[in-house]
C-alpha atoms as a PDB file:
ATOM      1  CA  MET A   1      44.833 112.682  78.962  1.00  0.00           C
ATOM      2  CA  LYS A   2      43.785 114.202  82.201  1.00  0.00           C
ATOM      3  CA  GLN A   3      45.502 111.684  84.305  1.00  0.00           C
ATOM      4  CA  CYS A   4      48.722 112.243  82.462  1.00  0.00           C
ATOM      5  CA  LEU A   5      48.413 116.037  82.921  1.00  0.00           C
ATOM      6  CA  LEU A   6      47.718 115.391  86.645  1.00  0.00           C
ATOM      7  CA  VAL A   7      50.720 113.086  87.007  1.00  0.00           C
ATOM      8  CA  PHE A   8      52.885 115.731  85.161  1.00  0.00           C
ATOM      9  CA  LEU A   9      51.781 118.612  87.382  1.00  0.00           C
ATOM     10  CA  CYS A  10      52.485 116.583  90.549  1.00  0.00           C
ATOM     11  CA  MET A  11      55.929 115.783  89.397  1.00  0.00           C
ATOM     12  CA  MET A  12      56.710 119.441  88.581  1.00  0.00           C
ATOM     13  CA  SER A  13      55.367 120.717  91.911  1.00  0.00           C
ATOM     14  CA  GLY A  14      57.692 118.258  93.583  1.00  0.00           C
ATOM     15  CA  MET A  15      60.689 119.364  91.590  1.00  0.00           C
ATOM     16  CA  LEU A  16      60.007 122.998  92.258  1.00  0.00           C
ATOM     17  CA  SER A  17      59.748 122.574  95.956  1.00  0.00           C
ATOM     18  CA  ALA A  18      63.150 120.640  95.957  1.00  0.00           C
ATOM     19  CA  TRP A  19      64.760 123.666  94.369  1.00  0.00           C
ATOM     20  CA  ALA A  20      63.302 126.107  96.886  1.00  0.00           C
ATOM     21  CA  GLN A  21      66.094 127.890  98.741  1.00  0.00           C
ATOM     22  CA  PHE A  22      65.894 130.488 101.629  1.00  0.00           C
ATOM     23  CA  ASN A  23      68.514 132.994 102.904  1.00  0.00           C
ATOM     24  CA  THR A  24      69.108 134.471 106.208  1.00  0.00           C
ATOM     25  CA  SER A  25      71.483 137.399 106.744  1.00  0.00           C
ATOM     26  CA  GLY A  26      72.802 138.995 109.865  1.00  0.00           C
ATOM     27  CA  LYS A  27      75.677 140.608 111.603  1.00  0.00           C
ATOM     28  CA  VAL A  28      78.068 139.187 114.352  1.00  0.00           C
ATOM     29  CA  ILE A  29      79.317 141.709 116.890  1.00  0.00           C
ATOM     30  CA  SER A  30      81.383 141.307 120.072  1.00  0.00           C
ATOM     31  CA  SER A  31      79.527 141.516 123.403  1.00  0.00           C
ATOM     32  CA  LEU A  32      82.616 143.233 124.864  1.00  0.00           C
ATOM     33  CA  ASP A  33      83.186 146.243 122.667  1.00  0.00           C
ATOM     34  CA  LYS A  34      80.229 146.032 120.199  1.00  0.00           C
ATOM     35  CA  GLN A  35      82.571 145.742 117.178  1.00  0.00           C
ATOM     36  CA  PRO A  36      82.033 143.472 114.131  1.00  0.00           C
ATOM     37  CA  VAL A  37      83.658 140.100 114.377  1.00  0.00           C
ATOM     38  CA  VAL A  38      85.509 139.305 111.216  1.00  0.00           C
ATOM     39  CA  GLY A  39      85.784 135.687 110.047  1.00  0.00           C
ATOM     40  CA  ALA A  40      83.378 134.308 112.594  1.00  0.00           C
ATOM     41  CA  SER A  41      81.826 130.929 111.635  1.00  0.00           C
ATOM     42  CA  VAL A  42      78.107 130.842 111.232  1.00  0.00           C
ATOM     43  CA  GLY A  43      76.423 127.519 110.661  1.00  0.00           C
ATOM     44  CA  ILE A  44      73.089 125.689 110.743  1.00  0.00           C
ATOM     45  CA  LYS A  45      73.081 123.081 113.346  1.00  0.00           C
ATOM     46  CA  GLY A  46      72.736 119.516 112.045  1.00  0.00           C
ATOM     47  CA  THR A  47      73.851 120.497 108.523  1.00  0.00           C
ATOM     48  CA  PRO A  48      77.177 120.865 106.905  1.00  0.00           C
ATOM     49  CA  ASN A  49      76.041 124.422 105.772  1.00  0.00           C
ATOM     50  CA  GLY A  50      78.267 127.268 107.045  1.00  0.00           C
ATOM     51  CA  VAL A  51      79.707 130.461 106.094  1.00  0.00           C
ATOM     52  CA  ALA A  52      82.234 133.141 107.582  1.00  0.00           C
ATOM     53  CA  THR A  53      81.529 136.712 108.260  1.00  0.00           C
ATOM     54  CA  ASP A  54      82.926 139.413 106.141  1.00  0.00           C
ATOM     55  CA  GLU A  55      85.108 142.385 107.203  1.00  0.00           C
ATOM     56  CA  SER A  56      82.091 144.143 108.553  1.00  0.00           C
ATOM     57  CA  GLY A  57      80.731 141.071 110.506  1.00  0.00           C
ATOM     58  CA  ASN A  58      78.014 140.399 107.938  1.00  0.00           C
ATOM     59  CA  PHE A  59      76.976 137.075 106.585  1.00  0.00           C
ATOM     60  CA  THR A  60      74.313 135.345 104.442  1.00  0.00           C
ATOM     61  CA  ILE A  61      73.530 131.712 104.625  1.00  0.00           C
ATOM     62  CA  ALA A  62      71.490 129.584 102.397  1.00  0.00           C
ATOM     63  CA  TYR A  63      69.272 126.777 103.484  1.00  0.00           C
ATOM     64  CA  HIS A  64      66.451 124.549 102.008  1.00  0.00           C
ATOM     65  CA  SER A  65      63.983 124.171 104.685  1.00  0.00           C
ATOM     66  CA  PRO A  66      62.274 127.230 106.465  1.00  0.00           C
ATOM     67  CA  ASP A  67      62.314 125.017 109.750  1.00  0.00           C
ATOM     68  CA  ALA A  68      66.169 124.914 109.681  1.00  0.00           C
ATOM     69  CA  VAL A  69      66.504 128.329 111.252  1.00  0.00           C
END
């Protein structure tokens, strides 16, 4: 019984770590006039993850590994 419980707990911990998701937020501004950049592309290098900034230059991007950013 203890072995079955141990196997179950190991499987559940693996599933939970696979669902872990992190978010990073920021703001893109122009270096020339310090105004927000609308529609700028923000991505994580080496992944297909990407988002565009909103009308205030803000973005939030999701990723699965804390080492990705």
